[in-house]
């Protein structure tokens, strides 16, 4: 995807997908493009916040809405890391396609959470306590992202992390163990045709 090609469509994307969204202005185009692949989230309450987290982005339901609201009325938060360390990749420096792919992955999490009961969501969150179950869960979300049509963008993200970024070796090993690699994504996309 070429950002200059899509820039002229930003207003139409906003008209269609901005309901109940609080988006960080500098990431609007990539956000709305990725969101356009998840029409089921068009009215879902999603806000973006900068935060100190141990990864580049993450998505989850807000605790209050998980506990006190019905599934259809939940609020979701996508947090963007606001500190740059040698192991964390700065979202603003990621190439455009990779941004769209990473955002698509996070919207995949929200799409997955959206239809789950509080107990099913808690089970998903507890999956993060073991490396094996975390890897299974994250690879499922990668597959959702690919099925939605953002496979090449997810490939761009995975390739950037492992082959182009200045992330630490430890962070890259973690990414290889938990998420689909560029080679695995490409293999799925090529066999899909």
C-alpha atoms as a PDB file:
ATOM      1  CA  UNK A   1       0.000   0.000   0.000  1.00  0.00           C
ATOM      2  CA  UNK A   2       1.220   3.440  -0.878  1.00  0.00           C
ATOM      3  CA  UNK A   3       0.235   6.089   1.662  1.00  0.00           C
ATOM      4  CA  UNK A   4       0.091   8.822  -0.979  1.00  0.00           C
ATOM      5  CA  UNK A   5      -2.481   6.807  -2.952  1.00  0.00           C
ATOM      6  CA  UNK A   6      -4.697   6.435   0.112  1.00  0.00           C
ATOM      7  CA  UNK A   7      -4.218   9.964   1.516  1.00  0.00           C
ATOM      8  CA  UNK A   8      -6.986  11.331  -0.724  1.00  0.00           C
ATOM      9  CA  UNK A   9      -9.380   8.744   0.772  1.00  0.00           C
ATOM     10  CA  UNK A  10      -8.769   9.710   4.401  1.00  0.00           C
ATOM     11  CA  UNK A  11     -11.967  11.780   4.701  1.00  0.00           C
ATOM     12  CA  UNK A  12     -14.117   8.947   3.350  1.00  0.00           C
ATOM     13  CA  UNK A  13     -12.395   6.460   5.698  1.00  0.00           C
ATOM     14  CA  UNK A  14     -13.092   8.787   8.624  1.00  0.00           C
ATOM     15  CA  UNK A  15     -16.744   9.150   7.652  1.00  0.00           C
ATOM     16  CA  UNK A  16     -17.150   5.406   7.528  1.00  0.00           C
ATOM     17  CA  UNK A  17     -14.964   4.215  10.416  1.00  0.00           C
ATOM     18  CA  UNK A  18     -14.439   7.018  12.956  1.00  0.00           C
ATOM     19  CA  UNK A  19     -17.618   6.429  14.964  1.00  0.00           C
ATOM     20  CA  UNK A  20     -16.657   5.778  18.595  1.00  0.00           C
ATOM     21  CA  UNK A  21     -12.937   6.019  17.798  1.00  0.00           C
ATOM     22  CA  UNK A  22     -10.276   8.177  19.400  1.00  0.00           C
ATOM     23  CA  UNK A  23      -7.339   7.993  17.004  1.00  0.00           C
ATOM     24  CA  UNK A  24      -3.909   9.602  17.268  1.00  0.00           C
ATOM     25  CA  UNK A  25      -3.811  12.150  14.439  1.00  0.00           C
ATOM     26  CA  UNK A  26      -0.361  11.275  13.091  1.00  0.00           C
ATOM     27  CA  UNK A  27      -1.480   7.648  12.594  1.00  0.00           C
ATOM     28  CA  UNK A  28      -4.973   8.286  11.201  1.00  0.00           C
ATOM     29  CA  UNK A  29      -4.402   7.041   7.657  1.00  0.00           C
ATOM     30  CA  UNK A  30      -2.767   3.734   8.625  1.00  0.00           C
ATOM     31  CA  UNK A  31      -5.360   3.236  11.377  1.00  0.00           C
ATOM     32  CA  UNK A  32      -8.397   3.766   9.160  1.00  0.00           C
ATOM     33  CA  UNK A  33      -6.974   1.658   6.327  1.00  0.00           C
ATOM     34  CA  UNK A  34      -6.401  -1.254   8.726  1.00  0.00           C
ATOM     35  CA  UNK A  35      -9.812  -0.699  10.315  1.00  0.00           C
ATOM     36  CA  UNK A  36     -11.481  -0.831   6.902  1.00  0.00           C
ATOM     37  CA  UNK A  37     -10.609  -4.556   6.801  1.00  0.00           C
ATOM     38  CA  UNK A  38     -12.640  -5.076   9.993  1.00  0.00           C
ATOM     39  CA  UNK A  39     -16.124  -3.740   9.144  1.00  0.00           C
ATOM     40  CA  UNK A  40     -17.525  -5.525  12.211  1.00  0.00           C
ATOM     41  CA  UNK A  41     -15.602  -2.977  14.328  1.00  0.00           C
ATOM     42  CA  UNK A  42     -17.038   0.110  12.608  1.00  0.00           C
ATOM     43  CA  UNK A  43     -19.153   1.130  15.635  1.00  0.00           C
ATOM     44  CA  UNK A  44     -16.944  -0.433  18.335  1.00  0.00           C
ATOM     45  CA  UNK A  45     -15.511   1.964  20.917  1.00  0.00           C
ATOM     46  CA  UNK A  46     -11.741   2.009  20.409  1.00  0.00           C
ATOM     47  CA  UNK A  47      -9.302   4.561  21.749  1.00  0.00           C
ATOM     48  CA  UNK A  48      -5.583   4.880  21.154  1.00  0.00           C
ATOM     49  CA  UNK A  49      -3.306   5.917  23.980  1.00  0.00           C
ATOM     50  CA  UNK A  50       0.411   6.360  24.357  1.00  0.00           C
ATOM     51  CA  UNK A  51       1.742   4.352  27.288  1.00  0.00           C
ATOM     52  CA  UNK A  52       4.861   2.764  28.706  1.00  0.00           C
ATOM     53  CA  UNK A  53       4.500  -0.874  27.628  1.00  0.00           C
ATOM     54  CA  UNK A  54       6.934  -3.695  26.845  1.00  0.00           C
ATOM     55  CA  UNK A  55       6.038  -4.009  23.173  1.00  0.00           C
ATOM     56  CA  UNK A  56       5.273  -1.680  20.284  1.00  0.00           C
ATOM     57  CA  UNK A  57       1.447  -1.898  20.470  1.00  0.00           C
ATOM     58  CA  UNK A  58      -1.134  -3.920  22.348  1.00  0.00           C
ATOM     59  CA  UNK A  59      -4.927  -4.112  22.410  1.00  0.00           C
ATOM     60  CA  UNK A  60      -7.347  -5.079  25.133  1.00  0.00           C
ATOM     61  CA  UNK A  61     -10.786  -4.304  26.520  1.00  0.00           C
ATOM     62  CA  UNK A  62     -10.869  -1.646  29.242  1.00  0.00           C
ATOM     63  CA  UNK A  63     -11.302  -3.303  32.626  1.00  0.00           C
ATOM     64  CA  UNK A  64     -14.411  -1.303  33.545  1.00  0.00           C
ATOM     65  CA  UNK A  65     -16.226  -2.144  30.342  1.00  0.00           C
ATOM     66  CA  UNK A  66     -15.192  -5.800  30.573  1.00  0.00           C
ATOM     67  CA  UNK A  67     -16.663  -6.056  34.059  1.00  0.00           C
ATOM     68  CA  UNK A  68     -19.697  -3.810  33.784  1.00  0.00           C
ATOM     69  CA  UNK A  69     -20.836  -3.676  30.164  1.00  0.00           C
ATOM     70  CA  UNK A  70     -22.323  -6.116  27.713  1.00  0.00           C
ATOM     71  CA  UNK A  71     -20.095  -7.473  24.926  1.00  0.00           C
ATOM     72  CA  UNK A  72     -21.540  -5.074  22.367  1.00  0.00           C
ATOM     73  CA  UNK A  73     -20.926  -2.044  24.605  1.00  0.00           C
ATOM     74  CA  UNK A  74     -17.319  -2.700  25.626  1.00  0.00           C
ATOM     75  CA  UNK A  75     -14.550  -0.147  25.217  1.00  0.00           C
ATOM     76  CA  UNK A  76     -11.190  -1.210  23.807  1.00  0.00           C
ATOM     77  CA  UNK A  77      -7.811   0.434  24.099  1.00  0.00           C
ATOM     78  CA  UNK A  78      -4.867   0.135  21.741  1.00  0.00           C
ATOM     79  CA  UNK A  79      -1.763   1.302  23.542  1.00  0.00           C
ATOM     80  CA  UNK A  80       1.237   2.599  21.624  1.00  0.00           C
ATOM     81  CA  UNK A  81       4.576   2.519  23.387  1.00  0.00           C
ATOM     82  CA  UNK A  82       5.811   6.016  24.161  1.00  0.00           C
ATOM     83  CA  UNK A  83       9.309   5.058  25.293  1.00  0.00           C
ATOM     84  CA  UNK A  84      12.028   3.850  22.991  1.00  0.00           C
ATOM     85  CA  UNK A  85      14.490   1.295  24.267  1.00  0.00           C
ATOM     86  CA  UNK A  86      16.874  -0.886  22.322  1.00  0.00           C
ATOM     87  CA  UNK A  87      14.336  -3.719  22.337  1.00  0.00           C
ATOM     88  CA  UNK A  88      11.198  -1.682  21.548  1.00  0.00           C
ATOM     89  CA  UNK A  89      10.466  -0.442  18.063  1.00  0.00           C
ATOM     90  CA  UNK A  90       9.211   3.126  17.779  1.00  0.00           C
ATOM     91  CA  UNK A  91       5.844   2.997  15.982  1.00  0.00           C
ATOM     92  CA  UNK A  92       6.362   6.346  14.263  1.00  0.00           C
ATOM     93  CA  UNK A  93       9.498   5.020  12.502  1.00  0.00           C
ATOM     94  CA  UNK A  94       7.857   1.895  11.079  1.00  0.00           C
ATOM     95  CA  UNK A  95       7.276   1.864   7.294  1.00  0.00           C
ATOM     96  CA  UNK A  96       3.674   2.543   6.269  1.00  0.00           C
ATOM     97  CA  UNK A  97       2.766  -1.017   5.162  1.00  0.00           C
ATOM     98  CA  UNK A  98       4.222  -2.443   8.365  1.00  0.00           C
ATOM     99  CA  UNK A  99       2.145   0.049  10.405  1.00  0.00           C
ATOM    100  CA  UNK A 100      -1.014  -1.093   8.620  1.00  0.00           C
ATOM    101  CA  UNK A 101      -0.079  -4.739   9.247  1.00  0.00           C
ATOM    102  CA  UNK A 102       0.613  -4.197  12.944  1.00  0.00           C
ATOM    103  CA  UNK A 103      -2.606  -2.206  13.394  1.00  0.00           C
ATOM    104  CA  UNK A 104      -4.456  -4.967  11.528  1.00  0.00           C
ATOM    105  CA  UNK A 105      -3.050  -7.470  14.018  1.00  0.00           C
ATOM    106  CA  UNK A 106      -4.278  -5.350  16.954  1.00  0.00           C
ATOM    107  CA  UNK A 107      -7.731  -4.998  15.376  1.00  0.00           C
ATOM    108  CA  UNK A 108      -7.643  -8.802  15.063  1.00  0.00           C
ATOM    109  CA  UNK A 109      -7.332  -8.977  18.854  1.00  0.00           C
ATOM    110  CA  UNK A 110     -10.335  -6.698  19.286  1.00  0.00           C
ATOM    111  CA  UNK A 111     -12.353  -8.692  16.760  1.00  0.00           C
ATOM    112  CA  UNK A 112     -11.459 -11.842  18.715  1.00  0.00           C
ATOM    113  CA  UNK A 113     -12.405 -10.312  22.100  1.00  0.00           C
ATOM    114  CA  UNK A 114     -15.610  -8.729  20.819  1.00  0.00           C
ATOM    115  CA  UNK A 115     -17.728 -11.886  20.807  1.00  0.00           C
ATOM    116  CA  UNK A 116     -16.272 -13.500  23.907  1.00  0.00           C
ATOM    117  CA  UNK A 117     -17.783 -13.630  27.395  1.00  0.00           C
ATOM    118  CA  UNK A 118     -15.856 -12.101  30.278  1.00  0.00           C
ATOM    119  CA  UNK A 119     -14.613 -15.590  31.204  1.00  0.00           C
ATOM    120  CA  UNK A 120     -13.422 -16.298  27.650  1.00  0.00           C
ATOM    121  CA  UNK A 121     -11.599 -12.951  27.565  1.00  0.00           C
ATOM    122  CA  UNK A 122      -9.982 -13.704  30.927  1.00  0.00           C
ATOM    123  CA  UNK A 123      -8.883 -17.075  29.576  1.00  0.00           C
ATOM    124  CA  UNK A 124      -7.285 -15.261  26.618  1.00  0.00           C
ATOM    125  CA  UNK A 125      -5.522 -12.871  28.991  1.00  0.00           C
ATOM    126  CA  UNK A 126      -4.270 -15.758  31.150  1.00  0.00           C
ATOM    127  CA  UNK A 127      -2.823 -17.287  27.979  1.00  0.00           C
ATOM    128  CA  UNK A 128      -0.083 -14.713  28.352  1.00  0.00           C
ATOM    129  CA  UNK A 129       1.241 -16.475  31.452  1.00  0.00           C
ATOM    130  CA  UNK A 130       2.902 -19.243  29.422  1.00  0.00           C
ATOM    131  CA  UNK A 131       5.069 -18.848  26.355  1.00  0.00           C
ATOM    132  CA  UNK A 132       3.412 -21.821  24.614  1.00  0.00           C
ATOM    133  CA  UNK A 133      -0.164 -20.566  25.038  1.00  0.00           C
ATOM    134  CA  UNK A 134       0.853 -16.980  24.242  1.00  0.00           C
ATOM    135  CA  UNK A 135       2.450 -18.146  20.981  1.00  0.00           C
ATOM    136  CA  UNK A 136      -0.668 -20.157  20.085  1.00  0.00           C
ATOM    137  CA  UNK A 137      -2.910 -17.144  20.749  1.00  0.00           C
ATOM    138  CA  UNK A 138      -0.741 -14.625  18.876  1.00  0.00           C
ATOM    139  CA  UNK A 139      -0.387 -16.921  15.855  1.00  0.00           C
ATOM    140  CA  UNK A 140      -4.199 -17.294  15.801  1.00  0.00           C
ATOM    141  CA  UNK A 141      -4.457 -13.507  15.670  1.00  0.00           C
ATOM    142  CA  UNK A 142      -1.860 -13.397  12.879  1.00  0.00           C
ATOM    143  CA  UNK A 143      -4.028 -15.875  10.949  1.00  0.00           C
ATOM    144  CA  UNK A 144      -7.107 -13.677  11.492  1.00  0.00           C
ATOM    145  CA  UNK A 145      -5.129 -10.724  10.114  1.00  0.00           C
ATOM    146  CA  UNK A 146      -4.134 -12.732   7.038  1.00  0.00           C
ATOM    147  CA  UNK A 147      -7.703 -13.973   6.476  1.00  0.00           C
ATOM    148  CA  UNK A 148      -8.967 -10.395   6.647  1.00  0.00           C
ATOM    149  CA  UNK A 149      -6.719  -9.487   3.702  1.00  0.00           C
ATOM    150  CA  UNK A 150      -3.789  -7.819   5.452  1.00  0.00           C
ATOM    151  CA  UNK A 151      -1.296 -10.649   4.999  1.00  0.00           C
ATOM    152  CA  UNK A 152       1.268  -8.717   2.974  1.00  0.00           C
ATOM    153  CA  UNK A 153       1.094  -5.840   5.427  1.00  0.00           C
ATOM    154  CA  UNK A 154       1.597  -8.276   8.327  1.00  0.00           C
ATOM    155  CA  UNK A 155       4.525  -9.718   6.368  1.00  0.00           C
ATOM    156  CA  UNK A 156       5.963  -6.193   6.041  1.00  0.00           C
ATOM    157  CA  UNK A 157       5.701  -5.776   9.828  1.00  0.00           C
ATOM    158  CA  UNK A 158       7.295  -9.152  10.635  1.00  0.00           C
ATOM    159  CA  UNK A 159      10.062  -8.565   8.091  1.00  0.00           C
ATOM    160  CA  UNK A 160      10.735  -5.079   9.441  1.00  0.00           C
ATOM    161  CA  UNK A 161      11.028  -6.328  13.035  1.00  0.00           C
ATOM    162  CA  UNK A 162      13.315  -9.241  12.253  1.00  0.00           C
ATOM    163  CA  UNK A 163      15.368  -7.960   9.323  1.00  0.00           C
ATOM    164  CA  UNK A 164      15.335  -4.169   9.228  1.00  0.00           C
ATOM    165  CA  UNK A 165      14.800  -2.784  12.724  1.00  0.00           C
ATOM    166  CA  UNK A 166      17.470  -2.040  15.296  1.00  0.00           C
ATOM    167  CA  UNK A 167      15.655  -4.074  17.951  1.00  0.00           C
ATOM    168  CA  UNK A 168      17.810  -6.166  20.250  1.00  0.00           C
ATOM    169  CA  UNK A 169      18.577  -9.785  19.450  1.00  0.00           C
ATOM    170  CA  UNK A 170      16.569 -10.819  22.526  1.00  0.00           C
ATOM    171  CA  UNK A 171      13.486  -8.967  21.247  1.00  0.00           C
ATOM    172  CA  UNK A 172      13.848 -10.511  17.785  1.00  0.00           C
ATOM    173  CA  UNK A 173      14.132 -14.013  19.265  1.00  0.00           C
ATOM    174  CA  UNK A 174      10.979 -13.343  21.302  1.00  0.00           C
ATOM    175  CA  UNK A 175       9.122 -12.182  18.147  1.00  0.00           C
ATOM    176  CA  UNK A 176      10.221 -15.306  16.219  1.00  0.00           C
ATOM    177  CA  UNK A 177       9.002 -17.588  19.004  1.00  0.00           C
ATOM    178  CA  UNK A 178       5.621 -15.934  19.586  1.00  0.00           C
ATOM    179  CA  UNK A 179       4.432 -14.665  16.174  1.00  0.00           C
ATOM    180  CA  UNK A 180       4.439 -15.971  12.619  1.00  0.00           C
ATOM    181  CA  UNK A 181       7.741 -15.260  10.866  1.00  0.00           C
ATOM    182  CA  UNK A 182       7.937 -13.485   7.486  1.00  0.00           C
ATOM    183  CA  UNK A 183       8.657 -16.856   5.859  1.00  0.00           C
ATOM    184  CA  UNK A 184       5.612 -18.501   7.469  1.00  0.00           C
ATOM    185  CA  UNK A 185       3.371 -15.593   6.456  1.00  0.00           C
ATOM    186  CA  UNK A 186       4.677 -15.621   2.891  1.00  0.00           C
ATOM    187  CA  UNK A 187       4.156 -19.377   2.663  1.00  0.00           C
ATOM    188  CA  UNK A 188       0.522 -18.990   3.781  1.00  0.00           C
ATOM    189  CA  UNK A 189      -0.044 -16.169   1.273  1.00  0.00           C
ATOM    190  CA  UNK A 190       1.526 -18.040  -1.634  1.00  0.00           C
ATOM    191  CA  UNK A 191      -0.411 -21.275  -0.927  1.00  0.00           C
ATOM    192  CA  UNK A 192      -3.621 -19.235  -0.523  1.00  0.00           C
ATOM    193  CA  UNK A 193      -3.526 -18.205  -4.209  1.00  0.00           C
END
